[in-house]
Amino acid sequence: MRPQVVWFGEEVPMMSKAIKIAQEAEILIVIGTSLNVYPAANIAFSVGDNCIKYLIDPNPPALDNTANFIVIKAGAEEGLTILLKKILT
């Protein structure tokens, strides 16, 4: 059994619902992903134009479509701490 795990090529459960939620988001935080695994990566690129997008990863992917992300080069724990300080100040 592997609950909450999606392998390459598998359908993402409730994908259309996730995209709809992303389209309404004001802030999107992406942590530790290459943004290369589709269809799940589509969620990160489905947000509205006014959504503020953060990417937290010590080695962020060098993709053209991440140009609109504010990149925090750090691991998840450190990156979230940095982001929280940034948002709350």
PDB file of N, CA and C in Angstrom:
ATOM      1  N   MET A   1       0.830  -1.180   0.000  1.00  0.00           N
ATOM      2  CA  MET A   1       0.000   0.000   0.000  1.00  0.00           C
ATOM      3  C   MET A   1       0.874   1.243   0.000  1.00  0.00           C
ATOM      4  N   ARG A   2       0.403   2.265  -0.674  1.00  0.00           N
ATOM      5  CA  ARG A   2       1.149   3.519  -0.733  1.00  0.00           C
ATOM      6  C   ARG A   2       0.180   4.702  -0.772  1.00  0.00           C
ATOM      7  N   PRO A   3      -0.420   5.025   0.331  1.00  0.00           N
ATOM      8  CA  PRO A   3      -1.371   6.130   0.351  1.00  0.00           C
ATOM      9  C   PRO A   3      -0.674   7.464   0.079  1.00  0.00           C
ATOM     10  N   GLN A   4      -1.376   8.373  -0.597  1.00  0.00           N
ATOM     11  CA  GLN A   4      -0.899   9.726  -0.868  1.00  0.00           C
ATOM     12  C   GLN A   4       0.352   9.778  -1.745  1.00  0.00           C
ATOM     13  N   VAL A   5       0.623   8.744  -2.530  1.00  0.00           N
ATOM     14  CA  VAL A   5       1.777   8.734  -3.412  1.00  0.00           C
ATOM     15  C   VAL A   5       1.300   8.543  -4.839  1.00  0.00           C
ATOM     16  N   VAL A   6       1.871   9.318  -5.750  1.00  0.00           N
ATOM     17  CA  VAL A   6       1.552   9.188  -7.170  1.00  0.00           C
ATOM     18  C   VAL A   6       2.852   8.911  -7.912  1.00  0.00           C
ATOM     19  N   TRP A   7       2.875   7.835  -8.673  1.00  0.00           N
ATOM     20  CA  TRP A   7       4.062   7.467  -9.439  1.00  0.00           C
ATOM     21  C   TRP A   7       4.022   8.133 -10.804  1.00  0.00           C
ATOM     22  N   PHE A   8       5.161   8.156 -11.491  1.00  0.00           N
ATOM     23  CA  PHE A   8       5.234   8.716 -12.835  1.00  0.00           C
ATOM     24  C   PHE A   8       4.171   8.095 -13.726  1.00  0.00           C
ATOM     25  N   GLY A   9       3.489   8.949 -14.470  1.00  0.00           N
ATOM     26  CA  GLY A   9       2.499   8.480 -15.426  1.00  0.00           C
ATOM     27  C   GLY A   9       1.132   8.192 -14.843  1.00  0.00           C
ATOM     28  N   GLU A  10       0.999   8.217 -13.536  1.00  0.00           N
ATOM     29  CA  GLU A  10      -0.306   7.956 -12.919  1.00  0.00           C
ATOM     30  C   GLU A  10      -1.137   9.228 -12.863  1.00  0.00           C
ATOM     31  N   GLU A  11      -2.423   9.059 -12.820  1.00  0.00           N
ATOM     32  CA  GLU A  11      -3.327  10.181 -12.653  1.00  0.00           C
ATOM     33  C   GLU A  11      -3.188  10.740 -11.237  1.00  0.00           C
ATOM     34  N   VAL A  12      -3.321  12.050 -11.121  1.00  0.00           N
ATOM     35  CA  VAL A  12      -3.287  12.693  -9.810  1.00  0.00           C
ATOM     36  C   VAL A  12      -4.716  12.771  -9.298  1.00  0.00           C
ATOM     37  N   PRO A  13      -4.983  12.220  -8.115  1.00  0.00           N
ATOM     38  CA  PRO A  13      -6.338  12.287  -7.579  1.00  0.00           C
ATOM     39  C   PRO A  13      -6.782  13.743  -7.399  1.00  0.00           C
ATOM     40  N   MET A  14      -8.000  14.024  -7.785  1.00  0.00           N
ATOM     41  CA  MET A  14      -8.625  15.339  -7.615  1.00  0.00           C
ATOM     42  C   MET A  14      -7.816  16.463  -8.280  1.00  0.00           C
ATOM     43  N   MET A  15      -7.201  16.163  -9.422  1.00  0.00           N
ATOM     44  CA  MET A  15      -6.370  17.140 -10.130  1.00  0.00           C
ATOM     45  C   MET A  15      -7.163  18.391 -10.507  1.00  0.00           C
ATOM     46  N   SER A  16      -8.342  18.233 -11.028  1.00  0.00           N
ATOM     47  CA  SER A  16      -9.118  19.400 -11.452  1.00  0.00           C
ATOM     48  C   SER A  16      -9.475  20.281 -10.257  1.00  0.00           C
ATOM     49  N   LYS A  17      -9.744  19.670  -9.111  1.00  0.00           N
ATOM     50  CA  LYS A  17     -10.034  20.444  -7.903  1.00  0.00           C
ATOM     51  C   LYS A  17      -8.779  21.200  -7.449  1.00  0.00           C
ATOM     52  N   ALA A  18      -7.631  20.564  -7.512  1.00  0.00           N
ATOM     53  CA  ALA A  18      -6.376  21.201  -7.113  1.00  0.00           C
ATOM     54  C   ALA A  18      -6.060  22.394  -8.021  1.00  0.00           C
ATOM     55  N   ILE A  19      -6.297  22.248  -9.311  1.00  0.00           N
ATOM     56  CA  ILE A  19      -6.054  23.351 -10.248  1.00  0.00           C
ATOM     57  C   ILE A  19      -7.000  24.509  -9.964  1.00  0.00           C
ATOM     58  N   LYS A  20      -8.247  24.197  -9.675  1.00  0.00           N
ATOM     59  CA  LYS A  20      -9.220  25.252  -9.367  1.00  0.00           C
ATOM     60  C   LYS A  20      -8.801  26.021  -8.109  1.00  0.00           C
ATOM     61  N   ILE A  21      -8.358  25.316  -7.091  1.00  0.00           N
ATOM     62  CA  ILE A  21      -7.885  25.963  -5.861  1.00  0.00           C
ATOM     63  C   ILE A  21      -6.662  26.832  -6.169  1.00  0.00           C
ATOM     64  N   ALA A  22      -5.729  26.308  -6.975  1.00  0.00           N
ATOM     65  CA  ALA A  22      -4.521  27.058  -7.337  1.00  0.00           C
ATOM     66  C   ALA A  22      -4.879  28.333  -8.097  1.00  0.00           C
ATOM     67  N   GLN A  23      -5.867  28.268  -8.957  1.00  0.00           N
ATOM     68  CA  GLN A  23      -6.271  29.438  -9.737  1.00  0.00           C
ATOM     69  C   GLN A  23      -6.811  30.557  -8.854  1.00  0.00           C
ATOM     70  N   GLU A  24      -7.279  30.217  -7.672  1.00  0.00           N
ATOM     71  CA  GLU A  24      -7.837  31.213  -6.758  1.00  0.00           C
ATOM     72  C   GLU A  24      -6.826  31.650  -5.685  1.00  0.00           C
ATOM     73  N   ALA A  25      -5.637  31.055  -5.696  1.00  0.00           N
ATOM     74  CA  ALA A  25      -4.644  31.331  -4.656  1.00  0.00           C
ATOM     75  C   ALA A  25      -4.042  32.724  -4.785  1.00  0.00           C
ATOM     76  N   GLU A  26      -3.763  33.322  -3.639  1.00  0.00           N
ATOM     77  CA  GLU A  26      -3.052  34.599  -3.606  1.00  0.00           C
ATOM     78  C   GLU A  26      -1.553  34.371  -3.451  1.00  0.00           C
ATOM     79  N   ILE A  27      -1.199  33.282  -2.778  1.00  0.00           N
ATOM     80  CA  ILE A  27       0.198  32.900  -2.581  1.00  0.00           C
ATOM     81  C   ILE A  27       0.331  31.406  -2.845  1.00  0.00           C
ATOM     82  N   LEU A  28       1.369  31.025  -3.573  1.00  0.00           N
ATOM     83  CA  LEU A  28       1.670  29.615  -3.813  1.00  0.00           C
ATOM     84  C   LEU A  28       3.083  29.353  -3.317  1.00  0.00           C
ATOM     85  N   ILE A  29       3.249  28.309  -2.524  1.00  0.00           N
ATOM     86  CA  ILE A  29       4.565  27.928  -2.016  1.00  0.00           C
ATOM     87  C   ILE A  29       4.872  26.530  -2.529  1.00  0.00           C
ATOM     88  N   VAL A  30       5.939  26.422  -3.294  1.00  0.00           N
ATOM     89  CA  VAL A  30       6.385  25.140  -3.842  1.00  0.00           C
ATOM     90  C   VAL A  30       7.681  24.787  -3.136  1.00  0.00           C
ATOM     91  N   ILE A  31       7.735  23.580  -2.582  1.00  0.00           N
ATOM     92  CA  ILE A  31       8.905  23.181  -1.797  1.00  0.00           C
ATOM     93  C   ILE A  31       9.503  21.883  -2.337  1.00  0.00           C
ATOM     94  N   GLY A  32      10.790  21.943  -2.686  1.00  0.00           N
ATOM     95  CA  GLY A  32      11.558  20.750  -3.016  1.00  0.00           C
ATOM     96  C   GLY A  32      11.037  19.926  -4.169  1.00  0.00           C
ATOM     97  N   THR A  33      10.875  20.533  -5.320  1.00  0.00           N
ATOM     98  CA  THR A  33      10.440  19.770  -6.481  1.00  0.00           C
ATOM     99  C   THR A  33      11.143  20.276  -7.727  1.00  0.00           C
ATOM    100  N   SER A  34      11.300  19.430  -8.686  1.00  0.00           N
ATOM    101  CA  SER A  34      11.938  19.820  -9.939  1.00  0.00           C
ATOM    102  C   SER A  34      10.968  20.563 -10.854  1.00  0.00           C
ATOM    103  N   LEU A  35       9.685  20.499 -10.551  1.00  0.00           N
ATOM    104  CA  LEU A  35       8.635  21.067 -11.401  1.00  0.00           C
ATOM    105  C   LEU A  35       8.674  20.466 -12.800  1.00  0.00           C
ATOM    106  N   ASN A  36       9.175  19.267 -12.892  1.00  0.00           N
ATOM    107  CA  ASN A  36       9.253  18.551 -14.169  1.00  0.00           C
ATOM    108  C   ASN A  36       8.303  17.376 -14.254  1.00  0.00           C
ATOM    109  N   VAL A  37       7.659  17.021 -13.164  1.00  0.00           N
ATOM    110  CA  VAL A  37       6.817  15.826 -13.148  1.00  0.00           C
ATOM    111  C   VAL A  37       5.370  16.239 -13.399  1.00  0.00           C
ATOM    112  N   TYR A  38       4.925  15.893 -14.577  1.00  0.00           N
ATOM    113  CA  TYR A  38       3.550  16.218 -14.970  1.00  0.00           C
ATOM    114  C   TYR A  38       2.695  14.976 -14.890  1.00  0.00           C
ATOM    115  N   PRO A  39       1.425  15.110 -14.599  1.00  0.00           N
ATOM    116  CA  PRO A  39       0.625  16.329 -14.641  1.00  0.00           C
ATOM    117  C   PRO A  39       0.657  17.158 -13.359  1.00  0.00           C
ATOM    118  N   ALA A  40       1.245  16.678 -12.289  1.00  0.00           N
ATOM    119  CA  ALA A  40       1.208  17.410 -11.016  1.00  0.00           C
ATOM    120  C   ALA A  40       1.848  18.791 -11.126  1.00  0.00           C
ATOM    121  N   ALA A  41       2.905  18.949 -11.916  1.00  0.00           N
ATOM    122  CA  ALA A  41       3.563  20.250 -12.057  1.00  0.00           C
ATOM    123  C   ALA A  41       2.624  21.306 -12.631  1.00  0.00           C
ATOM    124  N   ASN A  42       1.593  20.876 -13.352  1.00  0.00           N
ATOM    125  CA  ASN A  42       0.622  21.833 -13.897  1.00  0.00           C
ATOM    126  C   ASN A  42      -0.029  22.684 -12.812  1.00  0.00           C
ATOM    127  N   ILE A  43      -0.142  22.145 -11.618  1.00  0.00           N
ATOM    128  CA  ILE A  43      -0.787  22.890 -10.529  1.00  0.00           C
ATOM    129  C   ILE A  43      -0.022  24.183 -10.267  1.00  0.00           C
ATOM    130  N   ALA A  44       1.292  24.113 -10.213  1.00  0.00           N
ATOM    131  CA  ALA A  44       2.110  25.289  -9.922  1.00  0.00           C
ATOM    132  C   ALA A  44       2.015  26.343 -11.018  1.00  0.00           C
ATOM    133  N   PHE A  45       1.682  25.930 -12.225  1.00  0.00           N
ATOM    134  CA  PHE A  45       1.620  26.867 -13.343  1.00  0.00           C
ATOM    135  C   PHE A  45       0.181  27.232 -13.713  1.00  0.00           C
ATOM    136  N   SER A  46      -0.760  26.890 -12.846  1.00  0.00           N
ATOM    137  CA  SER A  46      -2.177  27.189 -13.084  1.00  0.00           C
ATOM    138  C   SER A  46      -2.664  28.391 -12.293  1.00  0.00           C
ATOM    139  N   VAL A  47      -1.778  28.989 -11.513  1.00  0.00           N
ATOM    140  CA  VAL A  47      -2.189  30.098 -10.666  1.00  0.00           C
ATOM    141  C   VAL A  47      -2.467  31.338 -11.503  1.00  0.00           C
ATOM    142  N   GLY A  48      -3.213  32.264 -10.912  1.00  0.00           N
ATOM    143  CA  GLY A  48      -3.524  33.508 -11.593  1.00  0.00           C
ATOM    144  C   GLY A  48      -2.318  34.426 -11.698  1.00  0.00           C
ATOM    145  N   ASP A  49      -2.423  35.447 -12.515  1.00  0.00           N
ATOM    146  CA  ASP A  49      -1.319  36.376 -12.741  1.00  0.00           C
ATOM    147  C   ASP A  49      -0.935  37.156 -11.486  1.00  0.00           C
ATOM    148  N   ASN A  50      -1.874  37.367 -10.591  1.00  0.00           N
ATOM    149  CA  ASN A  50      -1.605  38.149  -9.384  1.00  0.00           C
ATOM    150  C   ASN A  50      -1.108  37.306  -8.213  1.00  0.00           C
ATOM    151  N   CYS A  51      -0.998  36.021  -8.404  1.00  0.00           N
ATOM    152  CA  CYS A  51      -0.539  35.130  -7.335  1.00  0.00           C
ATOM    153  C   CYS A  51       0.965  35.303  -7.133  1.00  0.00           C
ATOM    154  N   ILE A  52       1.379  35.429  -5.881  1.00  0.00           N
ATOM    155  CA  ILE A  52       2.800  35.498  -5.551  1.00  0.00           C
ATOM    156  C   ILE A  52       3.294  34.066  -5.389  1.00  0.00           C
ATOM    157  N   LYS A  53       4.349  33.720  -6.140  1.00  0.00           N
ATOM    158  CA  LYS A  53       4.831  32.346  -6.177  1.00  0.00           C
ATOM    159  C   LYS A  53       6.226  32.244  -5.574  1.00  0.00           C
ATOM    160  N   TYR A  54       6.360  31.342  -4.604  1.00  0.00           N
ATOM    161  CA  TYR A  54       7.647  31.094  -3.963  1.00  0.00           C
ATOM    162  C   TYR A  54       8.085  29.669  -4.270  1.00  0.00           C
ATOM    163  N   LEU A  55       9.376  29.512  -4.512  1.00  0.00           N
ATOM    164  CA  LEU A  55       9.968  28.194  -4.724  1.00  0.00           C
ATOM    165  C   LEU A  55      11.091  28.036  -3.710  1.00  0.00           C
ATOM    166  N   ILE A  56      10.952  27.053  -2.827  1.00  0.00           N
ATOM    167  CA  ILE A  56      11.964  26.781  -1.804  1.00  0.00           C
ATOM    168  C   ILE A  56      12.672  25.487  -2.179  1.00  0.00           C
ATOM    169  N   ASP A  57      13.966  25.598  -2.454  1.00  0.00           N
ATOM    170  CA  ASP A  57      14.745  24.422  -2.829  1.00  0.00           C
ATOM    171  C   ASP A  57      16.224  24.798  -2.771  1.00  0.00           C
ATOM    172  N   PRO A  58      17.072  23.970  -2.165  1.00  0.00           N
ATOM    173  CA  PRO A  58      18.500  24.306  -2.124  1.00  0.00           C
ATOM    174  C   PRO A  58      19.141  24.292  -3.510  1.00  0.00           C
ATOM    175  N   ASN A  59      18.546  23.551  -4.425  1.00  0.00           N
ATOM    176  CA  ASN A  59      19.028  23.464  -5.811  1.00  0.00           C
ATOM    177  C   ASN A  59      17.838  23.619  -6.756  1.00  0.00           C
ATOM    178  N   PRO A  60      17.306  24.832  -6.877  1.00  0.00           N
ATOM    179  CA  PRO A  60      16.107  25.015  -7.678  1.00  0.00           C
ATOM    180  C   PRO A  60      16.349  24.666  -9.149  1.00  0.00           C
ATOM    181  N   PRO A  61      15.317  24.184  -9.812  1.00  0.00           N
ATOM    182  CA  PRO A  61      15.469  23.812 -11.213  1.00  0.00           C
ATOM    183  C   PRO A  61      15.730  25.048 -12.078  1.00  0.00           C
ATOM    184  N   ALA A  62      16.528  24.876 -13.095  1.00  0.00           N
ATOM    185  CA  ALA A  62      16.823  25.968 -14.029  1.00  0.00           C
ATOM    186  C   ALA A  62      15.853  25.866 -15.208  1.00  0.00           C
ATOM    187  N   LEU A  63      14.627  26.266 -14.959  1.00  0.00           N
ATOM    188  CA  LEU A  63      13.596  26.197 -15.991  1.00  0.00           C
ATOM    189  C   LEU A  63      13.127  27.601 -16.343  1.00  0.00           C
ATOM    190  N   ASP A  64      12.803  27.817 -17.596  1.00  0.00           N
ATOM    191  CA  ASP A  64      12.284  29.120 -18.008  1.00  0.00           C
ATOM    192  C   ASP A  64      10.989  29.464 -17.291  1.00  0.00           C
ATOM    193  N   ASN A  65      10.163  28.454 -17.014  1.00  0.00           N
ATOM    194  CA  ASN A  65       8.856  28.720 -16.415  1.00  0.00           C
ATOM    195  C   ASN A  65       8.915  28.998 -14.915  1.00  0.00           C
ATOM    196  N   THR A  66      10.106  29.017 -14.323  1.00  0.00           N
ATOM    197  CA  THR A  66      10.219  29.392 -12.911  1.00  0.00           C
ATOM    198  C   THR A  66      10.645  30.850 -12.755  1.00  0.00           C
ATOM    199  N   ALA A  67      10.719  31.587 -13.860  1.00  0.00           N
ATOM    200  CA  ALA A  67      11.166  32.980 -13.817  1.00  0.00           C
ATOM    201  C   ALA A  67      10.242  33.841 -12.965  1.00  0.00           C
ATOM    202  N   ASN A  68       8.984  33.479 -12.859  1.00  0.00           N
ATOM    203  CA  ASN A  68       8.030  34.270 -12.077  1.00  0.00           C
ATOM    204  C   ASN A  68       7.975  33.840 -10.613  1.00  0.00           C
ATOM    205  N   PHE A  69       8.845  32.945 -10.207  1.00  0.00           N
ATOM    206  CA  PHE A  69       8.889  32.500  -8.820  1.00  0.00           C
ATOM    207  C   PHE A  69       9.936  33.306  -8.050  1.00  0.00           C
ATOM    208  N   ILE A  70       9.650  33.602  -6.804  1.00  0.00           N
ATOM    209  CA  ILE A  70      10.655  34.148  -5.903  1.00  0.00           C
ATOM    210  C   ILE A  70      11.355  32.924  -5.316  1.00  0.00           C
ATOM    211  N   VAL A  71      12.628  32.783  -5.602  1.00  0.00           N
ATOM    212  CA  VAL A  71      13.364  31.579  -5.229  1.00  0.00           C
ATOM    213  C   VAL A  71      14.091  31.790  -3.907  1.00  0.00           C
ATOM    214  N   ILE A  72      13.919  30.829  -3.011  1.00  0.00           N
ATOM    215  CA  ILE A  72      14.644  30.796  -1.744  1.00  0.00           C
ATOM    216  C   ILE A  72      15.509  29.543  -1.792  1.00  0.00           C
ATOM    217  N   LYS A  73      16.819  29.743  -1.940  1.00  0.00           N
ATOM    218  CA  LYS A  73      17.743  28.617  -2.055  1.00  0.00           C
ATOM    219  C   LYS A  73      18.076  28.096  -0.661  1.00  0.00           C
ATOM    220  N   ALA A  74      17.263  27.168  -0.193  1.00  0.00           N
ATOM    221  CA  ALA A  74      17.438  26.581   1.132  1.00  0.00           C
ATOM    222  C   ALA A  74      16.630  25.300   1.198  1.00  0.00           C
ATOM    223  N   GLY A  75      16.926  24.486   2.203  1.00  0.00           N
ATOM    224  CA  GLY A  75      16.125  23.296   2.454  1.00  0.00           C
ATOM    225  C   GLY A  75      14.750  23.704   2.955  1.00  0.00           C
ATOM    226  N   ALA A  76      13.864  22.750   3.077  1.00  0.00           N
ATOM    227  CA  ALA A  76      12.469  23.033   3.436  1.00  0.00           C
ATOM    228  C   ALA A  76      12.335  23.768   4.766  1.00  0.00           C
ATOM    229  N   GLU A  77      12.968  23.266   5.812  1.00  0.00           N
ATOM    230  CA  GLU A  77      12.814  23.881   7.134  1.00  0.00           C
ATOM    231  C   GLU A  77      13.386  25.302   7.159  1.00  0.00           C
ATOM    232  N   GLU A  78      14.605  25.454   6.694  1.00  0.00           N
ATOM    233  CA  GLU A  78      15.232  26.771   6.674  1.00  0.00           C
ATOM    234  C   GLU A  78      14.491  27.718   5.731  1.00  0.00           C
ATOM    235  N   GLY A  79      14.095  27.205   4.582  1.00  0.00           N
ATOM    236  CA  GLY A  79      13.383  28.022   3.598  1.00  0.00           C
ATOM    237  C   GLY A  79      12.053  28.529   4.111  1.00  0.00           C
ATOM    238  N   LEU A  80      11.314  27.678   4.802  1.00  0.00           N
ATOM    239  CA  LEU A  80      10.041  28.120   5.372  1.00  0.00           C
ATOM    240  C   LEU A  80      10.245  29.164   6.458  1.00  0.00           C
ATOM    241  N   THR A  81      11.298  29.018   7.239  1.00  0.00           N
ATOM    242  CA  THR A  81      11.613  30.020   8.266  1.00  0.00           C
ATOM    243  C   THR A  81      11.913  31.371   7.612  1.00  0.00           C
ATOM    244  N   ILE A  82      12.710  31.349   6.562  1.00  0.00           N
ATOM    245  CA  ILE A  82      13.040  32.578   5.822  1.00  0.00           C
ATOM    246  C   ILE A  82      11.768  33.190   5.234  1.00  0.00           C
ATOM    247  N   LEU A  83      10.933  32.354   4.635  1.00  0.00           N
ATOM    248  CA  LEU A  83       9.704  32.848   4.010  1.00  0.00           C
ATOM    249  C   LEU A  83       8.751  33.438   5.038  1.00  0.00           C
ATOM    250  N   LEU A  84       8.590  32.775   6.159  1.00  0.00           N
ATOM    251  CA  LEU A  84       7.694  33.306   7.208  1.00  0.00           C
ATOM    252  C   LEU A  84       8.167  34.670   7.702  1.00  0.00           C
ATOM    253  N   LYS A  85       9.469  34.816   7.909  1.00  0.00           N
ATOM    254  CA  LYS A  85      10.000  36.114   8.337  1.00  0.00           C
ATOM    255  C   LYS A  85       9.733  37.165   7.273  1.00  0.00           C
ATOM    256  N   LYS A  86       9.875  36.792   6.021  1.00  0.00           N
ATOM    257  CA  LYS A  86       9.655  37.718   4.908  1.00  0.00           C
ATOM    258  C   LYS A  86       8.188  38.142   4.833  1.00  0.00           C
ATOM    259  N   ILE A  87       7.298  37.200   4.984  1.00  0.00           N
ATOM    260  CA  ILE A  87       5.856  37.487   4.875  1.00  0.00           C
ATOM    261  C   ILE A  87       5.339  38.258   6.079  1.00  0.00           C
ATOM    262  N   LEU A  88       5.830  37.922   7.263  1.00  0.00           N
ATOM    263  CA  LEU A  88       5.298  38.505   8.489  1.00  0.00           C
ATOM    264  C   LEU A  88       5.922  39.856   8.864  1.00  0.00           C
ATOM    265  N   THR A  89       6.937  40.298   8.124  1.00  0.00           N
ATOM    266  CA  THR A  89       7.546  41.594   8.447  1.00  0.00           C
ATOM    267  C   THR A  89       7.174  42.653   7.448  1.00  0.00           C
TER     268      THR A  89
END
